[in-house]
Amino acid sequence: MNKLWLIIQREYLTRVTKKSFIIATLITPLAMGIFFVVVGFIMSYEGGEELNIGVVDEAGVLRGKSFGDDNTTFFTTLKIPLEEAKAAAVRGDYDGILAIPPIAKMEIKKYTTYYYSDGSLGLDKRMVIQKRLRNHYRDFKIEELELDKEKMESVDVEIAFQPEPLKEDGEKESSMGAYVKAGIGGALSFVMYMAVFIYGMMVMRSVSEEKVSRIVEVMISSVKPFQLMLGKIIGVGAVGLTQVTVWAILLPLISLMVSFFIPVPDTGVDPAQMAAAGVDQEDIIYQFTLAMNELGELNWLMIAPMFLIFFLGGYFLYASMFAAVGSAVGEDTGESQSLTIPITIPIIIAFYIMFVAIRAPHSTLAIWASIFPLFSPIVMPARLAFDPPFWQVALSVILLIGTVIFFVWLSGRIYRVGILMYGKKASFKELAKWVFYSSK
């Protein structure tokens, strides 16, 4: 046990005290914060080329109304024929001409308008123009058909979906609850997915490097191969937990700081206009508060420890297999690519099943995938926020622990032979033989 502890200390301290580890641990959350600040500035950017567009309303859709300007696009209603307007655009008076042709029948639901210009109209500006045209056409048809505009607007209905329990004392879920749970489940599964790959590959590279450099030959003289492999897995896993813990502390702090730097886009519309357009600022604040309340009401006393169990179980499961592959490859590290394919396939499949588990957490696929040991470390965290039945979580944990013990034993059998095997290319058939080699 003392030798195992020394190996764990060595693996942990040699990595944690490296400048590269300290820099990566501290810089990664900061880099993510800078990334989101830059993305926020890019998404809020409203610059670009200013356009002056002439509008020829042959159908009379606008009825003397302004088409509606924004920060970079300005519309001028022209009282001249289309050909004269196009000639004015050729002279440079306008950047383009928007033509609204006459409407043949009011019953037609699809109308075509034309934009004449030598330049390309951006997708965002095109969508804005189409939306405004749709509103103008709608108002025009309401007036032409002599319909009551207030009654027509009352036909538009916005549906809110509110889940309710069957029993009076049942737990009530808000309409925001499903979105919050899906977000938490997806985040936990993604962390697990990245951890398995990053730290599993770290174990494999460490084993392979020590084998190639012959350092392992000196270490094997003092400790058993299984102790060496287990100590390496635990040590690297502790490094991973340290890094994840630091990120869990720094990321919320940096996210809070980032929120002060990301600019709020200027829509150019005052609150009264927003209310008239059906945008309720108080409702936005209410939905945000609702999401925060749902986040606080999640069963974290169950989610946090269960996630830790699945994190450790998934890491030990796949890290042991990566360690076995690392012990089998020689100086040609390219050999590991073919040997790691059977390991990575279940991880990738589980990652895609995770999306199904978020959309339908109680579906047959999500349930059995969260119980199957090779998938459960990634799929079950996606379901934890949705309060899966206790028997499913318990069965998943029991099977995962049993599978971890089996694969650690199996990998240890391969490791003890492969770590001292040189000059022989490993294959799956060869690895199977190593499992049954006698230790005598």
Protein backbone atom coordinates (compact mmCIF):
# COMPACT_ATOMS: atom_id res chain seq x y z
CA MET A 1 0.00 0.00 0.00
CA ASN A 2 2.88 2.36 0.79
CA LYS A 3 4.39 1.73 -2.65
CA LEU A 4 1.03 2.42 -4.31
CA TRP A 5 0.72 5.68 -2.38
CA LEU A 6 4.23 6.71 -3.45
CA ILE A 7 3.35 6.05 -7.10
CA ILE A 8 0.15 8.11 -6.77
CA GLN A 9 2.12 10.96 -5.17
CA ARG A 10 4.72 10.83 -7.92
CA GLU A 11 2.15 10.85 -10.73
CA TYR A 12 0.14 13.63 -9.09
CA LEU A 13 2.94 15.96 -7.97
CA THR A 14 5.03 15.67 -11.14
CA ARG A 15 2.03 16.88 -13.16
CA VAL A 16 0.44 19.40 -10.80
CA THR A 17 3.73 21.19 -10.17
CA LYS A 18 4.54 21.56 -13.86
CA LYS A 19 4.35 25.10 -15.20
CA SER A 20 2.40 23.85 -18.21
CA PHE A 21 -0.31 22.38 -15.94
CA ILE A 22 -0.57 25.52 -13.80
CA ILE A 23 -0.70 27.78 -16.85
CA ALA A 24 -3.26 25.58 -18.65
CA THR A 25 -5.46 25.33 -15.54
CA LEU A 26 -5.50 29.07 -14.97
CA ILE A 27 -5.43 30.24 -18.57
CA THR A 28 -8.20 27.96 -19.89
CA PRO A 29 -11.08 29.67 -17.96
CA LEU A 30 -9.57 33.06 -18.78
CA ALA A 31 -9.28 32.13 -22.45
CA MET A 32 -12.91 31.01 -22.44
CA GLY A 33 -13.90 34.33 -20.87
CA ILE A 34 -11.99 36.28 -23.52
CA PHE A 35 -13.54 34.07 -26.19
CA PHE A 36 -17.08 34.87 -25.02
CA VAL A 37 -16.26 38.59 -24.79
CA VAL A 38 -15.00 38.56 -28.38
CA VAL A 39 -18.01 36.55 -29.54
CA GLY A 40 -20.30 38.98 -27.70
CA PHE A 41 -18.73 41.94 -29.50
CA ILE A 42 -18.95 40.14 -32.84
CA MET A 43 -22.59 39.16 -32.37
CA SER A 44 -23.52 42.69 -31.25
CA TYR A 45 -21.68 44.30 -34.17
CA GLU A 46 -24.11 46.31 -36.25
CA GLY A 47 -21.65 48.05 -38.46
CA GLY A 48 -21.05 47.43 -42.09
CA GLU A 49 -21.87 49.31 -45.24
CA GLU A 50 -24.70 51.80 -45.03
CA LEU A 51 -27.34 51.28 -47.69
CA ASN A 52 -29.72 53.80 -49.14
CA ILE A 53 -32.53 51.89 -50.82
CA GLY A 54 -35.25 53.37 -52.94
CA VAL A 55 -38.72 51.82 -52.70
CA VAL A 56 -41.08 51.78 -55.68
CA ASP A 57 -44.51 50.83 -54.35
CA GLU A 58 -46.53 49.99 -57.47
CA ALA A 59 -49.10 48.05 -55.43
CA GLY A 60 -49.74 50.83 -52.93
CA VAL A 61 -48.94 48.48 -50.07
CA LEU A 62 -47.26 51.15 -47.96
CA ARG A 63 -50.18 53.61 -48.36
CA GLY A 64 -47.89 56.54 -47.66
CA LYS A 65 -46.28 54.92 -44.62
CA SER A 66 -42.53 54.80 -44.09
CA PHE A 67 -41.00 51.44 -44.91
CA GLY A 68 -38.90 51.65 -41.72
CA ASP A 69 -35.19 52.39 -41.35
CA ASP A 70 -32.59 50.79 -39.11
CA ASN A 71 -29.08 51.79 -38.06
CA THR A 72 -27.40 50.98 -41.37
CA THR A 73 -30.22 50.72 -43.92
CA PHE A 74 -32.34 53.68 -45.00
CA PHE A 75 -35.42 53.47 -47.23
CA THR A 76 -36.83 56.24 -49.39
CA THR A 77 -40.27 55.90 -50.97
CA LEU A 78 -40.08 57.05 -54.61
CA LYS A 79 -42.99 58.49 -56.59
CA ILE A 80 -41.43 57.70 -59.97
CA PRO A 81 -41.69 54.76 -62.40
CA LEU A 82 -39.50 51.73 -61.78
CA GLU A 83 -37.28 52.36 -64.83
CA GLU A 84 -36.50 55.90 -63.68
CA ALA A 85 -35.73 54.58 -60.19
CA LYS A 86 -33.35 51.99 -61.64
CA ALA A 87 -31.66 54.70 -63.70
CA ALA A 88 -31.22 56.77 -60.52
CA ALA A 89 -29.58 53.76 -58.86
CA VAL A 90 -27.23 53.40 -61.83
CA ARG A 91 -26.23 57.06 -61.39
CA GLY A 92 -25.38 56.29 -57.79
CA ASP A 93 -28.29 58.05 -56.12
CA TYR A 94 -29.34 54.77 -54.45
CA ASP A 95 -27.58 51.53 -53.58
CA GLY A 96 -30.55 49.49 -54.69
CA ILE A 97 -34.20 49.62 -55.66
CA LEU A 98 -36.89 47.61 -53.89
CA ALA A 99 -39.88 47.10 -56.20
CA ILE A 100 -43.30 46.08 -54.87
CA PRO A 101 -45.30 44.96 -57.94
CA PRO A 102 -49.09 45.28 -58.23
CA ILE A 103 -51.17 42.64 -56.45
CA ALA A 104 -53.38 40.68 -58.85
CA LYS A 105 -55.53 38.85 -56.31
CA MET A 106 -56.01 39.28 -52.59
CA GLU A 107 -56.44 35.50 -52.17
CA ILE A 108 -52.84 34.77 -53.18
CA LYS A 109 -50.69 33.90 -50.16
CA LYS A 110 -47.28 34.17 -51.82
CA TYR A 111 -46.01 37.39 -53.35
CA THR A 112 -42.72 38.15 -55.05
CA THR A 113 -40.94 41.46 -54.67
CA TYR A 114 -37.79 42.45 -56.54
CA TYR A 115 -34.56 44.05 -55.43
CA TYR A 116 -32.41 45.64 -58.14
CA SER A 117 -28.76 46.23 -57.32
CA ASP A 118 -25.27 45.45 -58.63
CA GLY A 119 -24.17 44.60 -55.08
CA SER A 120 -25.09 41.63 -52.94
CA LEU A 121 -27.61 42.13 -50.15
CA GLY A 122 -26.53 40.59 -46.85
CA LEU A 123 -28.57 37.76 -45.36
CA ASP A 124 -29.42 39.70 -42.20
CA LYS A 125 -30.66 42.72 -44.17
CA ARG A 126 -32.62 40.45 -46.50
CA MET A 127 -34.39 38.82 -43.55
CA VAL A 128 -35.25 42.23 -42.05
CA ILE A 129 -36.69 43.47 -45.36
CA GLN A 130 -38.71 40.28 -45.83
CA LYS A 131 -40.15 40.54 -42.33
CA ARG A 132 -41.17 44.18 -42.83
CA LEU A 133 -42.68 43.40 -46.24
CA ARG A 134 -44.69 40.59 -44.68
CA ASN A 135 -46.13 43.00 -42.09
CA HIS A 136 -46.90 45.66 -44.73
CA TYR A 137 -48.60 43.11 -47.00
CA ARG A 138 -50.66 41.83 -44.07
CA ASP A 139 -51.85 45.31 -43.09
CA PHE A 140 -52.62 46.12 -46.72
CA LYS A 141 -54.76 42.99 -47.20
CA ILE A 142 -56.64 43.63 -43.93
CA GLU A 143 -57.58 47.12 -45.13
CA GLU A 144 -58.44 46.02 -48.66
CA LEU A 145 -60.65 43.18 -47.46
CA GLU A 146 -62.26 45.58 -44.95
CA LEU A 147 -61.44 43.34 -42.01
CA ASP A 148 -61.34 44.44 -38.40
CA LYS A 149 -57.65 44.74 -37.57
CA GLU A 150 -58.18 44.34 -33.82
CA LYS A 151 -60.17 41.16 -34.35
CA MET A 152 -57.55 39.85 -36.77
CA GLU A 153 -54.80 40.46 -34.22
CA SER A 154 -56.85 38.72 -31.55
CA VAL A 155 -56.74 35.56 -33.69
CA ASP A 156 -52.98 35.27 -33.13
CA VAL A 157 -52.46 33.11 -30.04
CA GLU A 158 -49.30 32.41 -28.07
CA ILE A 159 -49.43 29.06 -26.29
CA ALA A 160 -47.71 28.52 -22.94
CA PHE A 161 -47.04 24.92 -21.88
CA GLN A 162 -47.41 24.33 -18.14
CA PRO A 163 -46.95 20.79 -16.75
CA GLU A 164 -49.17 19.97 -13.76
CA PRO A 165 -49.11 16.97 -11.38
CA LEU A 166 -52.04 14.55 -11.29
CA LYS A 167 -52.12 14.57 -7.47
CA GLU A 168 -52.59 17.73 -5.44
CA ASP A 169 -49.49 17.00 -3.36
CA GLY A 170 -47.43 16.10 -6.44
CA GLU A 171 -44.32 17.98 -7.43
CA LYS A 172 -45.06 20.83 -9.83
CA GLU A 173 -42.63 21.62 -12.61
CA SER A 174 -42.48 25.04 -14.24
CA SER A 175 -42.40 25.48 -18.01
CA MET A 176 -38.75 26.43 -17.69
CA GLY A 177 -37.83 23.29 -15.75
CA ALA A 178 -37.30 20.99 -18.75
CA TYR A 179 -34.93 23.46 -20.42
CA VAL A 180 -32.88 23.93 -17.25
CA LYS A 181 -32.64 20.18 -16.68
CA ALA A 182 -31.64 19.58 -20.29
CA GLY A 183 -28.92 22.22 -20.01
CA ILE A 184 -27.52 20.77 -16.78
CA GLY A 185 -27.67 17.21 -18.11
CA GLY A 186 -25.92 18.17 -21.33
CA ALA A 187 -23.20 20.06 -19.45
CA LEU A 188 -22.50 17.16 -17.06
CA SER A 189 -22.33 14.63 -19.90
CA PHE A 190 -20.06 16.87 -21.97
CA VAL A 191 -17.66 17.27 -19.03
CA MET A 192 -17.60 13.49 -18.62
CA TYR A 193 -17.03 12.97 -22.35
CA MET A 194 -14.09 15.39 -22.41
CA ALA A 195 -12.60 14.03 -19.18
CA VAL A 196 -12.57 10.43 -20.45
CA PHE A 197 -10.76 11.43 -23.62
CA ILE A 198 -8.33 13.98 -22.18
CA TYR A 199 -7.24 12.15 -19.04
CA GLY A 200 -7.50 8.67 -20.58
CA MET A 201 -5.17 9.73 -23.39
CA MET A 202 -2.91 11.33 -20.78
CA VAL A 203 -2.57 7.96 -19.02
CA MET A 204 -1.83 6.20 -22.32
CA ARG A 205 0.88 8.71 -23.30
CA SER A 206 2.47 8.54 -19.86
CA VAL A 207 2.68 4.73 -19.94
CA SER A 208 3.98 4.73 -23.51
CA GLU A 209 6.66 7.36 -22.79
CA GLU A 210 7.95 5.52 -19.73
CA LYS A 211 8.09 2.28 -21.68
CA VAL A 212 9.99 3.82 -24.60
CA SER A 213 12.44 5.64 -22.28
CA ARG A 214 13.02 2.38 -20.30
CA ILE A 215 12.26 4.14 -17.01
CA VAL A 216 9.62 1.53 -16.30
CA GLU A 217 12.28 -1.21 -16.14
CA VAL A 218 13.78 0.44 -13.07
CA MET A 219 10.37 0.98 -11.45
CA ILE A 220 9.24 -2.63 -12.07
CA SER A 221 12.18 -3.84 -10.00
CA SER A 222 10.62 -2.18 -6.94
CA VAL A 223 6.86 -2.44 -7.48
CA LYS A 224 4.46 -4.85 -9.12
CA PRO A 225 3.18 -3.92 -12.61
CA PHE A 226 -0.42 -3.81 -11.38
CA GLN A 227 0.50 -1.39 -8.60
CA LEU A 228 2.32 0.79 -11.12
CA MET A 229 -0.66 0.86 -13.47
CA LEU A 230 -3.18 1.50 -10.70
CA GLY A 231 -1.03 4.23 -9.14
CA LYS A 232 -0.69 5.93 -12.50
CA ILE A 233 -4.45 5.82 -13.13
CA ILE A 234 -5.28 7.17 -9.66
CA GLY A 235 -2.59 9.86 -9.85
CA VAL A 236 -3.68 11.17 -13.23
CA GLY A 237 -7.32 10.97 -12.12
CA ALA A 238 -6.50 13.12 -9.09
CA VAL A 239 -4.87 15.60 -11.45
CA GLY A 240 -8.07 15.67 -13.48
CA LEU A 241 -10.24 16.22 -10.41
CA THR A 242 -7.95 19.05 -9.30
CA GLN A 243 -8.22 20.73 -12.68
CA VAL A 244 -12.01 20.31 -12.86
CA THR A 245 -12.37 21.69 -9.31
CA VAL A 246 -10.30 24.77 -10.13
CA TRP A 247 -12.33 25.33 -13.30
CA ALA A 248 -15.59 24.89 -11.38
CA ILE A 249 -14.48 27.75 -9.10
CA LEU A 250 -12.98 30.05 -11.72
CA LEU A 251 -15.51 29.68 -14.55
CA PRO A 252 -18.50 31.17 -12.65
CA LEU A 253 -16.33 34.07 -11.45
CA ILE A 254 -15.01 34.75 -14.95
CA SER A 255 -18.52 34.38 -16.40
CA LEU A 256 -19.72 37.04 -13.99
CA MET A 257 -16.88 39.34 -15.03
CA VAL A 258 -17.57 38.67 -18.73
CA SER A 259 -21.20 39.77 -18.31
CA PHE A 260 -19.96 43.29 -17.52
CA PHE A 261 -17.92 43.51 -20.73
CA ILE A 262 -20.31 42.06 -23.29
CA PRO A 263 -22.20 45.00 -24.79
CA VAL A 264 -25.97 44.97 -25.01
CA PRO A 265 -26.96 45.57 -28.66
CA ASP A 266 -28.76 48.83 -29.32
CA THR A 267 -31.94 47.88 -31.07
CA GLY A 268 -32.90 51.49 -31.67
CA VAL A 269 -36.36 50.76 -30.26
CA ASP A 270 -37.62 52.27 -27.02
CA PRO A 271 -39.47 50.17 -24.41
CA ALA A 272 -42.86 51.51 -25.53
CA GLN A 273 -42.23 50.35 -29.08
CA MET A 274 -41.03 46.97 -27.80
CA ALA A 275 -44.24 46.58 -25.80
CA ALA A 276 -46.29 47.53 -28.85
CA ALA A 277 -44.46 44.86 -30.83
CA GLY A 278 -45.35 42.25 -28.23
CA VAL A 279 -41.93 42.13 -26.52
CA ASP A 280 -42.36 42.30 -22.76
CA GLN A 281 -39.14 43.16 -20.93
CA GLU A 282 -40.66 42.16 -17.60
CA ASP A 283 -41.46 38.74 -19.04
CA ILE A 284 -37.80 38.31 -20.07
CA ILE A 285 -36.67 39.13 -16.52
CA TYR A 286 -39.34 36.79 -15.14
CA GLN A 287 -38.17 33.90 -17.35
CA PHE A 288 -34.56 34.44 -16.26
CA THR A 289 -35.58 34.47 -12.59
CA LEU A 290 -37.63 31.33 -13.19
CA ALA A 291 -34.61 29.59 -14.69
CA MET A 292 -32.45 30.53 -11.68
CA ASN A 293 -35.13 29.23 -9.31
CA GLU A 294 -35.35 25.95 -11.21
CA LEU A 295 -31.58 25.65 -11.05
CA GLY A 296 -31.66 26.05 -7.29
CA GLU A 297 -34.51 23.57 -6.83
CA LEU A 298 -32.71 20.70 -8.55
CA ASN A 299 -31.81 17.78 -6.29
CA TRP A 300 -28.11 18.64 -6.05
CA LEU A 301 -27.69 16.35 -3.02
CA MET A 302 -28.29 13.48 -5.44
CA ILE A 303 -26.85 14.96 -8.65
CA ALA A 304 -23.45 16.02 -7.25
CA PRO A 305 -22.41 12.74 -5.54
CA MET A 306 -23.84 10.60 -8.35
CA PHE A 307 -21.95 12.61 -10.94
CA LEU A 308 -18.75 12.14 -8.93
CA ILE A 309 -19.35 8.38 -8.81
CA PHE A 310 -19.95 8.17 -12.56
CA PHE A 311 -17.01 10.49 -13.20
CA LEU A 312 -14.64 8.25 -11.25
CA GLY A 313 -16.20 5.06 -12.58
CA GLY A 314 -16.03 6.20 -16.20
CA TYR A 315 -12.50 7.46 -15.78
CA PHE A 316 -11.22 4.22 -14.17
CA LEU A 317 -13.05 2.14 -16.77
CA TYR A 318 -11.58 3.82 -19.81
CA ALA A 319 -8.26 4.93 -18.30
CA SER A 320 -7.43 1.29 -17.50
CA MET A 321 -8.03 0.37 -21.14
CA PHE A 322 -5.95 3.31 -22.35
CA ALA A 323 -3.17 2.22 -19.96
CA ALA A 324 -3.27 -1.28 -21.43
CA VAL A 325 -2.93 0.16 -24.94
CA GLY A 326 -0.06 2.38 -23.80
CA SER A 327 1.79 -0.64 -22.43
CA ALA A 328 1.28 -2.55 -25.67
CA VAL A 329 2.65 0.02 -28.13
CA GLY A 330 6.36 0.37 -28.76
CA GLU A 331 8.38 3.23 -30.16
CA ASP A 332 5.93 3.59 -33.03
CA THR A 333 3.13 5.43 -31.25
CA GLY A 334 1.05 5.19 -34.42
CA GLU A 335 0.24 1.63 -33.38
CA SER A 336 -2.00 3.02 -30.65
CA GLN A 337 -4.44 4.46 -33.20
CA SER A 338 -5.72 1.06 -34.30
CA LEU A 339 -5.80 -0.27 -30.73
CA THR A 340 -7.76 2.69 -29.37
CA ILE A 341 -10.59 2.40 -31.93
CA PRO A 342 -12.53 -0.20 -29.89
CA ILE A 343 -12.19 2.10 -26.85
CA THR A 344 -13.31 5.30 -28.53
CA ILE A 345 -16.30 3.81 -30.36
CA PRO A 346 -18.40 3.25 -27.16
CA ILE A 347 -17.49 6.75 -25.96
CA ILE A 348 -18.65 8.38 -29.19
CA ILE A 349 -21.84 6.28 -29.34
CA ALA A 350 -22.64 7.23 -25.74
CA PHE A 351 -22.08 10.90 -26.58
CA TYR A 352 -24.71 10.75 -29.33
CA ILE A 353 -27.14 8.79 -27.16
CA MET A 354 -26.76 11.59 -24.62
CA PHE A 355 -28.67 13.93 -26.95
CA VAL A 356 -31.54 11.43 -27.02
CA ALA A 357 -31.43 11.23 -23.21
CA ILE A 358 -31.78 15.01 -22.97
CA ARG A 359 -34.77 15.10 -25.32
CA ALA A 360 -36.46 11.96 -23.95
CA PRO A 361 -34.86 11.07 -20.58
CA HIS A 362 -37.34 8.27 -19.85
CA SER A 363 -37.26 6.63 -23.28
CA THR A 364 -36.24 3.00 -23.64
CA LEU A 365 -32.95 3.88 -25.36
CA ALA A 366 -32.02 6.44 -22.70
CA ILE A 367 -32.86 4.05 -19.83
CA TRP A 368 -30.92 1.04 -21.08
CA ALA A 369 -28.00 3.11 -22.33
CA SER A 370 -27.72 4.74 -18.90
CA ILE A 371 -27.55 1.26 -17.33
CA PHE A 372 -25.13 -0.32 -19.82
CA PRO A 373 -21.67 0.13 -18.17
CA LEU A 374 -19.78 1.30 -21.27
CA PHE A 375 -22.37 4.03 -21.91
CA SER A 376 -23.59 4.89 -18.41
CA PRO A 377 -20.74 7.27 -17.39
CA ILE A 378 -21.82 9.66 -20.17
CA VAL A 379 -25.55 8.92 -20.55
CA MET A 380 -26.62 8.71 -16.90
CA PRO A 381 -25.32 12.20 -15.97
CA ALA A 382 -27.63 13.55 -18.70
CA ARG A 383 -30.59 11.94 -16.90
CA LEU A 384 -29.69 12.81 -13.30
CA ALA A 385 -31.37 16.23 -13.45
CA PHE A 386 -34.62 14.54 -14.60
CA ASP A 387 -34.91 12.47 -11.38
CA PRO A 388 -34.61 8.94 -12.81
CA PRO A 389 -36.01 6.11 -10.65
CA PHE A 390 -33.73 5.01 -7.82
CA TRP A 391 -33.49 1.42 -9.06
CA GLN A 392 -32.12 2.57 -12.42
CA VAL A 393 -29.40 4.70 -10.81
CA ALA A 394 -28.53 1.98 -8.30
CA LEU A 395 -28.39 -0.75 -10.97
CA SER A 396 -26.26 1.48 -13.18
CA VAL A 397 -23.79 2.16 -10.35
CA ILE A 398 -23.54 -1.52 -9.37
CA LEU A 399 -22.94 -2.66 -12.95
CA LEU A 400 -20.44 0.16 -13.50
CA ILE A 401 -18.43 -0.75 -10.39
CA GLY A 402 -18.40 -4.43 -11.37
CA THR A 403 -17.32 -3.57 -14.92
CA VAL A 404 -14.59 -1.25 -13.63
CA ILE A 405 -13.17 -4.03 -11.43
CA PHE A 406 -13.21 -6.44 -14.37
CA PHE A 407 -11.55 -4.08 -16.84
CA VAL A 408 -8.93 -2.93 -14.32
CA TRP A 409 -8.06 -6.60 -13.72
CA LEU A 410 -8.08 -7.31 -17.46
CA SER A 411 -5.94 -4.28 -18.26
CA GLY A 412 -3.57 -5.21 -15.44
CA ARG A 413 -3.03 -8.64 -17.05
CA ILE A 414 -2.16 -6.97 -20.35
CA TYR A 415 -0.07 -4.25 -18.69
CA ARG A 416 2.23 -6.64 -16.78
CA VAL A 417 3.28 -8.32 -20.04
CA GLY A 418 3.13 -5.42 -22.49
CA ILE A 419 5.13 -2.96 -20.38
CA LEU A 420 8.27 -5.11 -20.74
CA MET A 421 7.60 -6.33 -24.29
CA TYR A 422 9.83 -4.72 -26.93
CA GLY A 423 10.30 -5.25 -30.64
CA LYS A 424 7.02 -7.06 -31.16
CA LYS A 425 4.01 -5.40 -32.75
CA ALA A 426 0.93 -5.86 -30.61
CA SER A 427 -2.36 -7.02 -32.11
CA PHE A 428 -5.73 -7.86 -30.59
CA LYS A 429 -4.87 -11.54 -30.83
CA GLU A 430 -1.58 -10.91 -29.04
CA LEU A 431 -3.31 -8.91 -26.31
CA ALA A 432 -5.72 -11.81 -25.74
CA LYS A 433 -2.74 -14.14 -25.24
CA TRP A 434 -1.19 -11.79 -22.70
CA VAL A 435 -4.31 -12.00 -20.53
CA PHE A 436 -3.73 -15.73 -19.99
CA TYR A 437 0.06 -15.59 -19.55
CA SER A 438 1.20 -17.06 -16.26
CA SER A 439 2.91 -14.63 -13.88
CA LYS A 440 5.39 -17.28 -12.81
